Amino acid sequence: MTDHKGREIVPGHPSLISLHKQLQNSDQAYLLQTPNRPDQARFWFLGPFEGREIIWDALLMNFEAYLHHECHAGRYQLGDCVELQQFIEISERDIEPLPVTIVHDIPEINPSALLKTVIMLRNYKRLHRGRHQYGDTQFFKIDAD
């Protein structure tokens, strides 16, 4: 399914108007899509991108959750040494809601971390598709823990 500009729309996701109403009624800046876990959260929020208001489909993870995810995807093996920086990765697909993965060096994903992430993405002026890395590089050794 596509919108009037030919962008792909993911079935089952809210429209911009319906999400705006839901957020207004809940007095929240975001709408959780999965139960909040201490290491990751998936949520929707509204914000600017490429000159228009969009729905962001955000996945926020800390380093531990990201490394666990990557190991299960087969990208890392036990014993690997991994260099990792914090990053924001915006989908290359022209789709709405627009998927974005944010990996932060934080011990716990909580309401404060979610709100700070929403504010950061809304205020980021030169945001574009692809991966944006920032912060110091950290080194991890993949072990059985």
Foldseek 3Di string as FASTA:
>chain_A
DADPVRFAEDPPDDDPVVVVVVCVVVVHQWAWPDPFDFFKTWIWGWADDPHDIAIEGEIEGEPVVVVVVCVVVVNDDAFDKDKDFWKKAWAPGRYPPTYIYTYHNDRTDDSVNVVVVSVVVRPDDPDDHGMDGDDDIDMDGHHDD
